[in-house]
Amino acid sequence: MLGIFGTVLPSFLLNTAISRIGPQATSSTASFGPVITIVLAVLVLGEAFTWIHAMGTALVLLGSWLFARLESQNRRKPT
């Protein structure tokens, strides 16, 4: 079961997402996976939220913001 839910299903969902919304949008939304994992670990498992989690979350959010900013700048440039 772990192999199916941990490997096969995510691979299938990733390929489906790429076919539906494209690779750029898929990669930007996929970067939130670790943040969601942290939130679920804290809420469901009662794990401690440490400064390392905060730093990782901040880096993911910063990277997503930079990616979105660069994408919008590239769209505005005339070709």
Protein backbone atom coordinates (compact mmCIF):
# COMPACT_ATOMS: atom_id res chain seq x y z
CA MET A 1 0.00 0.00 0.00
CA LEU A 2 2.82 2.40 0.81
CA GLY A 3 4.27 1.89 -2.66
CA ILE A 4 0.96 2.67 -4.29
CA PHE A 5 0.14 5.77 -2.25
CA GLY A 6 3.72 7.00 -1.94
CA THR A 7 5.00 6.43 -5.47
CA VAL A 8 2.44 5.33 -8.05
CA LEU A 9 -0.42 7.68 -7.15
CA PRO A 10 1.75 10.83 -6.89
CA SER A 11 3.41 10.03 -10.23
CA PHE A 12 0.01 9.56 -11.86
CA LEU A 13 -1.32 12.80 -10.35
CA LEU A 14 1.79 14.73 -11.41
CA ASN A 15 1.47 13.56 -15.00
CA THR A 16 -2.23 14.39 -15.01
CA ALA A 17 -1.50 17.88 -13.68
CA ILE A 18 1.15 18.48 -16.34
CA SER A 19 -1.27 17.48 -19.08
CA ARG A 20 -4.05 19.70 -17.70
CA ILE A 21 -2.32 22.90 -16.53
CA GLY A 22 1.15 22.66 -18.07
CA PRO A 23 4.61 22.07 -16.63
CA GLN A 24 5.24 25.61 -15.34
CA ALA A 25 2.08 25.82 -13.27
CA THR A 26 2.56 22.26 -12.05
CA SER A 27 6.10 22.94 -10.84
CA SER A 28 5.09 26.09 -9.01
CA THR A 29 2.23 24.37 -7.20
CA ALA A 30 4.28 21.25 -6.49
CA SER A 31 6.75 23.33 -4.51
CA PHE A 32 4.11 23.71 -1.79
CA GLY A 33 4.26 19.99 -0.98
CA PRO A 34 6.84 20.37 1.82
CA VAL A 35 4.88 23.26 3.35
CA ILE A 36 1.69 21.18 3.38
CA THR A 37 3.65 18.31 4.93
CA ILE A 38 4.89 20.60 7.71
CA VAL A 39 1.38 21.89 8.42
CA LEU A 40 -0.07 18.37 8.53
CA ALA A 41 2.76 17.13 10.77
CA VAL A 42 2.13 19.94 13.23
CA LEU A 43 -1.68 19.68 13.21
CA VAL A 44 -2.20 15.93 12.89
CA LEU A 45 0.88 14.44 14.51
CA GLY A 46 1.53 17.15 17.07
CA GLU A 47 5.09 17.73 15.85
CA ALA A 48 6.92 20.81 17.05
CA PHE A 49 7.22 23.72 14.60
CA THR A 50 10.88 24.74 14.77
CA TRP A 51 12.91 27.53 13.24
CA ILE A 52 14.12 25.10 10.57
CA HIS A 53 10.50 24.55 9.49
CA ALA A 54 9.94 28.30 9.45
CA MET A 55 13.08 28.84 7.37
CA GLY A 56 12.07 26.13 4.89
CA THR A 57 8.57 27.54 4.59
CA ALA A 58 9.95 31.04 4.03
CA LEU A 59 12.30 29.77 1.31
CA VAL A 60 9.49 27.94 -0.49
CA LEU A 61 7.25 31.02 -0.36
CA LEU A 62 10.10 33.27 -1.51
CA GLY A 63 10.92 30.95 -4.39
CA SER A 64 7.29 30.77 -5.48
CA TRP A 65 6.97 34.55 -5.32
CA LEU A 66 10.15 35.04 -7.37
CA PHE A 67 8.98 32.48 -9.92
CA ALA A 68 5.59 34.20 -10.30
CA ARG A 69 7.26 37.61 -10.56
CA LEU A 70 9.64 36.47 -13.29
CA GLU A 71 6.80 34.81 -15.16
CA SER A 72 4.71 37.99 -15.13
CA GLN A 73 7.69 40.05 -16.29
CA ASN A 74 8.33 37.62 -19.15
CA ARG A 75 4.70 37.84 -20.24
CA ARG A 76 4.83 41.64 -20.41
CA LYS A 77 7.94 41.72 -22.62
CA PRO A 78 7.15 42.08 -26.30
CA THR A 79 8.48 39.26 -28.44
